[in-house]
Amino acid sequence: MLLSACGNIPQIRAEQRLFLNLSLEFLGEYQLPKQTFEGTTVGGLSAITYDRQRDRFYTLSDDHSEKAPARFYTFKLKLAKENNPKIEGITLEKVTFLKTETGETYSPQTIDPEGIALSPRGTVFISSEGVPKKDVDPFIGEFELTTGQLQQTLPLPQRYLLGKQPDGSPRGVQDNLGFEALTLSATSILKDDPFRLFTATESSLIQDTAENLPDQIPVRLLHYVISNIGAPVVVSEHLYLLDPPVKGTVANGLSELIALPQEGYWLSLERTFGVFGYGAKLFQVVNSNASDTSSQVSLKGDLKGVSGLKKQLLLDLQSLNLELDNLEGMTLGPRLPDGQDTLILISDDNFSQTQVTQLLVFAIKKP
């Protein structure tokens, strides 16, 4: 009898045990009306981060300082929490212009802001894809929250910067495919305690790009430790493989990462665009003895000797039966009355009258 009973237990593969038992419940959609705020066009919102202490959101515009200086907005989100939680409205409260070390706003085409993450020390880290066609390198900077003043830039390995490989071939980020994903992992809210920062390129580096695009495009994920003692340090780099593009896809890439409270776990957002419009997928990602790719001159070709980050599909957003827009930003939001975290996604409307700024809200459900 014992043997018979055991035979009915579902078999679980070892890889499945790596992942957390999570699911997402869709709570609703909200579209931010087209508007101006304090003389700026509100649009191109490519990243979002949540300040739990103040119950405010900071959302970054990817304007290249052309319609107005590079900037992020502070807004208050009204979330109905009874019966059917959903976004009831958004109130813009402030626009903060990013400033260089000398206190000046960024000149046009010198920055392409794409990622934003709030730190425990009252600053925001912002990633710029750079503008390779203008010979402008990518960067990751720490900015003061209230003034937008640049405090420091993180050291970037040479392989991400524009230049030449030892054999004379080009290297660095591809145009408009640089540091899109950015997230922090902090175990403490004390400003003097160290924390971790993770960032990843949207697609492969020039030296990692095969002439005939592979089914899975290699992306590099950088891991920093940041503290008040010494300069930020690159700890490691790991391989993240994009999902194979479906037929009709024109472009696909890694848009965002969110570090989960459990160390070594993330949520990732992959966005696609093609003949059928926009698509997006959410994955759970885990570092299970992934190879350190820091010494890999190129990730082009055979990757059999490289162990990448493992991922599992959490939700294909096309299953929501919504018309998806250009979803690029993602953050953990306020908690619901039952203690569940919310997950909020935001789209970049590309400052186009035919697109919308779309916010999607989910509850992260745990057993």
Protein backbone atom coordinates (compact mmCIF):
# COMPACT_ATOMS: atom_id res chain seq x y z
CA MET A 1 0.00 0.00 0.00
CA LEU A 2 2.83 2.40 0.84
CA LEU A 3 4.54 1.77 -2.48
CA SER A 4 1.26 2.26 -4.32
CA ALA A 5 0.61 5.58 -2.60
CA CYS A 6 4.09 6.85 -3.35
CA GLY A 7 3.58 6.04 -6.99
CA ASN A 8 0.83 8.66 -7.20
CA ILE A 9 3.06 11.54 -6.05
CA PRO A 10 3.72 13.91 -8.99
CA GLN A 11 7.32 13.80 -10.16
CA ILE A 12 9.09 17.17 -9.90
CA ARG A 13 12.18 17.78 -11.99
CA ALA A 14 15.24 19.09 -10.16
CA GLU A 15 15.17 22.29 -12.23
CA GLN A 16 11.61 23.03 -11.12
CA ARG A 17 12.73 23.03 -7.49
CA LEU A 18 15.06 25.93 -8.26
CA PHE A 19 12.18 28.34 -8.76
CA LEU A 20 9.98 30.02 -6.19
CA ASN A 21 6.32 29.07 -6.05
CA LEU A 22 4.93 32.30 -7.49
CA SER A 23 2.01 33.26 -9.71
CA LEU A 24 0.52 36.52 -10.93
CA GLU A 25 -3.08 37.71 -10.71
CA PHE A 26 -3.97 40.49 -13.14
CA LEU A 27 -5.75 43.34 -11.34
CA GLY A 28 -6.28 45.84 -14.12
CA GLU A 29 -5.07 48.38 -16.65
CA TYR A 30 -4.81 52.16 -16.50
CA GLN A 31 -3.86 54.58 -19.29
CA LEU A 32 -2.22 57.86 -18.38
CA PRO A 33 -3.79 60.72 -20.37
CA LYS A 34 -1.57 62.69 -22.77
CA GLN A 35 -0.45 65.83 -20.95
CA THR A 36 2.22 68.37 -20.21
CA PHE A 37 3.59 69.05 -16.74
CA GLU A 38 5.57 72.10 -15.70
CA GLY A 39 6.49 72.83 -19.30
CA THR A 40 7.48 69.26 -20.21
CA THR A 41 5.80 66.66 -22.38
CA VAL A 42 4.98 63.64 -20.24
CA GLY A 43 5.95 60.63 -22.32
CA GLY A 44 8.63 58.10 -23.15
CA LEU A 45 8.24 56.60 -19.67
CA SER A 46 10.71 53.74 -19.88
CA ALA A 47 11.33 52.88 -16.20
CA ILE A 48 9.61 53.07 -12.83
CA THR A 49 10.61 52.57 -9.19
CA TYR A 50 8.59 52.68 -5.95
CA ASP A 51 9.42 54.54 -2.73
CA ARG A 52 7.65 52.55 -0.02
CA GLN A 53 8.59 55.02 2.74
CA ARG A 54 6.86 57.93 0.98
CA ASP A 55 4.34 55.90 -1.05
CA ARG A 56 5.49 57.60 -4.23
CA PHE A 57 6.66 56.43 -7.65
CA TYR A 58 9.52 57.81 -9.72
CA THR A 59 9.23 57.26 -13.46
CA LEU A 60 11.96 58.04 -15.96
CA SER A 61 11.47 59.60 -19.38
CA ASP A 62 13.80 58.38 -22.13
CA ASP A 63 13.80 61.79 -23.81
CA HIS A 64 17.35 62.44 -25.08
CA SER A 65 17.11 65.98 -23.67
CA GLU A 66 15.39 67.02 -26.90
CA LYS A 67 11.79 67.84 -25.95
CA ALA A 68 13.00 68.98 -22.51
CA PRO A 69 16.09 68.19 -20.40
CA ALA A 70 16.47 64.54 -19.32
CA ARG A 71 14.19 64.01 -16.32
CA PHE A 72 12.11 61.81 -14.06
CA TYR A 73 8.68 62.42 -12.55
CA THR A 74 7.30 61.87 -9.06
CA PHE A 75 3.72 60.72 -8.89
CA LYS A 76 1.14 59.45 -6.44
CA LEU A 77 -0.91 56.46 -7.48
CA LYS A 78 -4.39 55.94 -6.09
CA LEU A 79 -4.96 52.21 -5.77
CA ALA A 80 -8.39 50.99 -4.72
CA LYS A 81 -7.72 48.17 -2.27
CA GLU A 82 -11.18 46.87 -1.55
CA ASN A 83 -12.92 44.05 -3.39
CA ASN A 84 -11.30 44.57 -6.82
CA PRO A 85 -7.95 46.40 -6.43
CA LYS A 86 -7.16 48.63 -9.42
CA ILE A 87 -5.59 51.98 -10.28
CA GLU A 88 -8.16 54.77 -9.86
CA GLY A 89 -5.90 57.66 -10.80
CA ILE A 90 -2.39 59.14 -10.93
CA THR A 91 -1.37 62.57 -9.70
CA LEU A 92 1.87 64.04 -11.04
CA GLU A 93 3.63 66.00 -8.30
CA LYS A 94 7.12 66.94 -9.50
CA VAL A 95 9.55 66.82 -12.41
CA THR A 96 13.25 66.49 -11.58
CA PHE A 97 15.84 67.32 -14.23
CA LEU A 98 19.04 65.28 -14.29
CA LYS A 99 22.18 67.33 -13.84
CA THR A 100 25.82 66.63 -14.60
CA GLU A 101 28.61 66.83 -12.00
CA THR A 102 28.91 70.54 -12.80
CA GLY A 103 25.21 71.14 -12.14
CA GLU A 104 24.09 71.56 -15.76
CA THR A 105 21.25 69.69 -17.44
CA TYR A 106 22.26 67.21 -20.12
CA SER A 107 22.63 68.54 -23.65
CA PRO A 108 20.57 66.95 -26.45
CA GLN A 109 21.85 63.56 -27.66
CA THR A 110 24.30 63.13 -24.76
CA ILE A 111 22.11 60.77 -22.73
CA ASP A 112 19.49 58.07 -23.32
CA PRO A 113 17.99 57.37 -19.87
CA GLU A 114 16.37 53.93 -19.67
CA GLY A 115 16.58 52.44 -16.15
CA ILE A 116 15.87 53.83 -12.66
CA ALA A 117 16.13 52.28 -9.19
CA LEU A 118 15.72 53.87 -5.76
CA SER A 119 18.54 53.25 -3.26
CA PRO A 120 18.40 53.10 0.57
CA ARG A 121 20.50 56.26 0.81
CA GLY A 122 17.91 58.54 -0.76
CA THR A 123 19.33 58.53 -4.27
CA VAL A 124 18.30 57.04 -7.59
CA PHE A 125 20.56 55.06 -9.88
CA ILE A 126 19.89 55.74 -13.55
CA SER A 127 21.25 53.91 -16.57
CA SER A 128 21.87 55.49 -19.95
CA GLU A 129 22.12 53.38 -23.09
CA GLY A 130 24.48 55.96 -24.52
CA VAL A 131 24.17 57.23 -28.07
CA PRO A 132 26.65 55.10 -30.08
CA LYS A 133 25.81 56.84 -33.38
CA LYS A 134 27.04 60.05 -31.71
CA ASP A 135 30.05 58.26 -30.10
CA VAL A 136 28.45 58.69 -26.65
CA ASP A 137 29.18 55.80 -24.26
CA PRO A 138 26.61 54.25 -21.92
CA PHE A 139 26.84 54.97 -18.20
CA ILE A 140 25.21 54.23 -14.86
CA GLY A 141 25.00 57.18 -12.49
CA GLU A 142 23.82 57.84 -8.96
CA PHE A 143 21.72 61.00 -8.73
CA GLU A 144 20.42 62.95 -5.75
CA LEU A 145 16.68 62.33 -5.45
CA THR A 146 15.45 65.86 -4.83
CA THR A 147 17.82 67.88 -7.03
CA GLY A 148 18.78 65.40 -9.77
CA GLN A 149 22.47 66.18 -9.22
CA LEU A 150 24.92 63.47 -10.33
CA GLN A 151 26.81 62.04 -7.34
CA GLN A 152 28.98 59.40 -9.01
CA THR A 153 29.20 57.08 -12.01
CA LEU A 154 29.82 53.36 -11.74
CA PRO A 155 32.90 51.85 -13.37
CA LEU A 156 32.01 49.98 -16.56
CA PRO A 157 34.16 47.18 -18.01
CA GLN A 158 35.76 48.18 -21.31
CA ARG A 159 33.76 45.58 -23.24
CA TYR A 160 30.61 47.74 -22.84
CA LEU A 161 32.29 50.90 -24.12
CA LEU A 162 32.67 51.91 -27.76
CA GLY A 163 36.02 50.91 -29.17
CA LYS A 164 37.99 48.11 -30.79
CA GLN A 165 38.75 44.54 -29.80
CA PRO A 166 42.41 43.39 -29.83
CA ASP A 167 41.81 42.00 -33.34
CA GLY A 168 40.53 45.37 -34.54
CA SER A 169 36.84 44.40 -34.63
CA PRO A 170 34.32 46.76 -33.01
CA ARG A 171 33.08 46.33 -29.44
CA GLY A 172 30.54 47.88 -27.07
CA VAL A 173 26.79 48.32 -26.83
CA GLN A 174 24.68 48.40 -29.95
CA ASP A 175 22.74 51.55 -30.77
CA ASN A 176 19.54 51.73 -28.67
CA LEU A 177 20.31 48.30 -27.12
CA GLY A 178 22.39 49.25 -24.08
CA PHE A 179 21.59 49.27 -20.36
CA GLU A 180 17.80 49.05 -20.28
CA ALA A 181 17.32 46.86 -17.18
CA LEU A 182 18.35 48.15 -13.74
CA THR A 183 17.45 46.97 -10.24
CA LEU A 184 18.73 47.10 -6.65
CA SER A 185 18.76 44.45 -3.95
CA ALA A 186 18.96 45.89 -0.44
CA THR A 187 18.55 43.88 2.74
CA SER A 188 18.40 47.03 4.88
CA ILE A 189 16.85 50.49 4.63
CA LEU A 190 19.81 52.01 6.51
CA LYS A 191 21.69 54.37 4.21
CA ASP A 192 25.14 53.23 5.36
CA ASP A 193 24.55 49.53 4.71
CA PRO A 194 25.87 47.99 1.47
CA PHE A 195 23.52 46.89 -1.29
CA ARG A 196 23.69 45.19 -4.68
CA LEU A 197 22.93 46.63 -8.11
CA PHE A 198 22.15 44.58 -11.21
CA THR A 199 21.99 45.85 -14.75
CA ALA A 200 21.78 44.22 -18.15
CA THR A 201 21.91 45.23 -21.77
CA GLU A 202 18.75 45.00 -23.82
CA SER A 203 20.43 42.80 -26.38
CA SER A 204 23.88 41.44 -27.18
CA LEU A 205 27.03 43.54 -27.35
CA ILE A 206 28.52 44.14 -30.79
CA GLN A 207 31.22 41.52 -30.19
CA ASP A 208 28.60 39.00 -29.00
CA THR A 209 26.30 39.39 -32.00
CA ALA A 210 26.32 36.60 -34.56
CA GLU A 211 25.97 37.49 -38.23
CA ASN A 212 22.98 35.18 -38.45
CA LEU A 213 21.03 35.90 -35.27
CA PRO A 214 20.76 32.79 -33.07
CA ASP A 215 17.50 31.51 -31.66
CA GLN A 216 18.62 32.79 -28.26
CA ILE A 217 20.45 36.12 -28.16
CA PRO A 218 23.13 36.36 -25.43
CA VAL A 219 22.75 39.22 -22.96
CA ARG A 220 25.26 40.12 -20.21
CA LEU A 221 24.02 40.85 -16.67
CA LEU A 222 26.38 42.88 -14.43
CA HIS A 223 26.44 42.56 -10.62
CA TYR A 224 27.82 45.38 -8.43
CA VAL A 225 28.25 45.80 -4.69
CA ILE A 226 27.89 49.39 -3.51
CA SER A 227 28.82 50.65 -0.06
CA ASN A 228 30.07 53.77 1.69
CA ILE A 229 33.51 52.19 2.00
CA GLY A 230 35.40 52.48 -1.25
CA ALA A 231 34.21 52.68 -4.84
CA PRO A 232 31.47 50.47 -6.34
CA VAL A 233 32.84 47.05 -7.29
CA VAL A 234 31.86 44.75 -10.15
CA VAL A 235 31.38 41.35 -8.51
CA SER A 236 30.46 39.19 -11.49
CA GLU A 237 28.80 38.98 -14.86
CA HIS A 238 26.40 36.30 -16.08
CA LEU A 239 24.76 35.14 -19.29
CA TYR A 240 21.04 35.75 -19.82
CA LEU A 241 19.51 34.22 -22.96
CA LEU A 242 16.56 35.93 -24.61
CA ASP A 243 13.60 33.79 -25.60
CA PRO A 244 13.58 32.79 -29.28
CA PRO A 245 11.57 35.38 -31.25
CA VAL A 246 8.27 34.22 -32.72
CA LYS A 247 7.56 34.50 -36.43
CA GLY A 248 6.99 38.09 -37.49
CA THR A 249 9.15 39.63 -34.74
CA VAL A 250 11.12 42.68 -35.81
CA ALA A 251 12.80 43.40 -32.46
CA ASN A 252 13.01 41.71 -29.07
CA GLY A 253 15.00 42.45 -25.94
CA LEU A 254 15.31 42.45 -22.17
CA SER A 255 13.44 45.53 -20.95
CA GLU A 256 13.62 45.24 -17.18
CA LEU A 257 14.74 43.25 -14.14
CA ILE A 258 13.39 43.28 -10.60
CA ALA A 259 15.46 41.77 -7.77
CA LEU A 260 13.24 39.70 -5.48
CA PRO A 261 13.78 39.64 -1.69
CA GLN A 262 15.24 36.14 -1.99
CA GLU A 263 18.91 36.48 -2.95
CA GLY A 264 19.72 35.27 -6.44
CA TYR A 265 16.16 35.61 -7.78
CA TRP A 266 14.73 38.14 -10.21
CA LEU A 267 11.71 38.82 -12.36
CA SER A 268 12.50 39.78 -15.94
CA LEU A 269 10.44 41.51 -18.62
CA GLU A 270 11.11 40.69 -22.26
CA ARG A 271 9.40 42.90 -24.81
CA THR A 272 8.86 42.19 -28.52
CA PHE A 273 7.65 44.19 -31.50
CA GLY A 274 6.62 42.85 -34.87
CA VAL A 275 4.02 42.67 -37.58
CA PHE A 276 1.38 41.77 -34.98
CA GLY A 277 2.21 44.66 -32.65
CA TYR A 278 3.79 44.56 -29.20
CA GLY A 279 4.20 41.51 -27.00
CA ALA A 280 5.72 40.90 -23.58
CA LYS A 281 6.61 37.99 -21.31
CA LEU A 282 7.43 37.85 -17.61
CA PHE A 283 9.95 35.31 -16.36
CA GLN A 284 11.27 34.18 -13.02
CA VAL A 285 15.07 34.10 -13.14
CA VAL A 286 17.48 32.34 -10.78
CA ASN A 287 21.26 32.17 -10.47
CA SER A 288 22.04 28.50 -10.01
CA ASN A 289 25.81 28.19 -10.37
CA ALA A 290 25.85 30.38 -13.47
CA SER A 291 29.24 30.89 -15.10
CA ASP A 292 31.06 34.18 -14.62
CA THR A 293 31.39 35.55 -18.14
CA SER A 294 33.67 38.47 -17.22
CA SER A 295 36.62 36.85 -18.97
CA GLN A 296 34.64 35.92 -22.11
CA VAL A 297 35.93 38.15 -24.90
CA SER A 298 32.93 37.17 -27.00
CA LEU A 299 29.72 35.23 -26.45
CA LYS A 300 29.27 34.70 -30.16
CA GLY A 301 28.83 31.14 -31.38
CA ASP A 302 28.81 27.95 -29.32
CA LEU A 303 27.84 28.59 -25.68
CA LYS A 304 27.81 24.97 -24.54
CA GLY A 305 30.64 25.60 -22.10
CA VAL A 306 28.84 28.54 -20.49
CA SER A 307 26.19 27.96 -17.83
CA GLY A 308 23.69 30.81 -17.98
CA LEU A 309 21.05 32.11 -15.60
CA LYS A 310 18.01 29.86 -15.54
CA LYS A 311 14.56 31.24 -16.23
CA GLN A 312 10.97 30.04 -16.19
CA LEU A 313 8.00 31.64 -17.91
CA LEU A 314 5.72 33.27 -15.36
CA LEU A 315 3.22 34.91 -17.70
CA ASP A 316 2.84 35.62 -21.41
CA LEU A 317 1.03 38.96 -21.30
CA GLN A 318 -0.68 38.30 -24.61
CA SER A 319 -2.84 35.82 -22.69
CA LEU A 320 -4.51 38.82 -20.98
CA ASN A 321 -6.38 39.61 -24.21
CA LEU A 322 -5.32 43.26 -24.00
CA GLU A 323 -3.78 45.40 -26.71
CA LEU A 324 -0.29 45.72 -25.27
CA ASP A 325 1.82 48.80 -25.77
CA ASN A 326 5.60 49.17 -25.54
CA LEU A 327 6.07 47.81 -22.00
CA GLU A 328 9.52 48.73 -20.68
CA GLY A 329 9.33 49.53 -16.95
CA MET A 330 8.52 47.35 -13.95
CA THR A 331 8.56 47.72 -10.16
CA LEU A 332 7.26 46.13 -7.00
CA GLY A 333 4.51 48.41 -5.70
CA PRO A 334 2.44 48.89 -2.55
CA ARG A 335 1.20 45.88 -0.62
CA LEU A 336 -2.43 44.86 -0.68
CA PRO A 337 -4.43 44.49 2.56
CA ASP A 338 -3.75 40.73 2.58
CA GLY A 339 0.02 41.38 2.48
CA GLN A 340 0.55 40.48 -1.16
CA ASP A 341 3.00 42.59 -3.15
CA THR A 342 1.84 44.32 -6.29
CA LEU A 343 3.80 44.33 -9.52
CA ILE A 344 3.36 47.35 -11.78
CA LEU A 345 4.40 47.61 -15.43
CA ILE A 346 4.55 50.80 -17.50
CA SER A 347 4.86 51.40 -21.24
CA ASP A 348 6.94 53.89 -23.21
CA ASP A 349 4.64 55.63 -25.71
CA ASN A 350 7.62 56.90 -27.75
CA PHE A 351 5.98 60.36 -27.61
CA SER A 352 3.61 59.08 -30.30
CA GLN A 353 -0.04 60.08 -30.63
CA THR A 354 -0.84 56.55 -31.79
CA GLN A 355 0.56 54.92 -28.62
CA VAL A 356 -0.39 55.13 -24.95
CA THR A 357 1.26 55.17 -21.54
CA GLN A 358 -0.15 51.93 -20.22
CA LEU A 359 0.09 50.72 -16.62
CA LEU A 360 -0.69 47.11 -15.73
CA VAL A 361 -1.13 45.99 -12.12
CA PHE A 362 -0.69 42.45 -10.79
CA ALA A 363 -0.76 40.79 -7.40
CA ILE A 364 2.17 38.46 -6.70
CA LYS A 365 0.61 35.39 -5.20
CA LYS A 366 2.51 33.02 -2.96
CA PRO A 367 1.18 29.82 -1.33
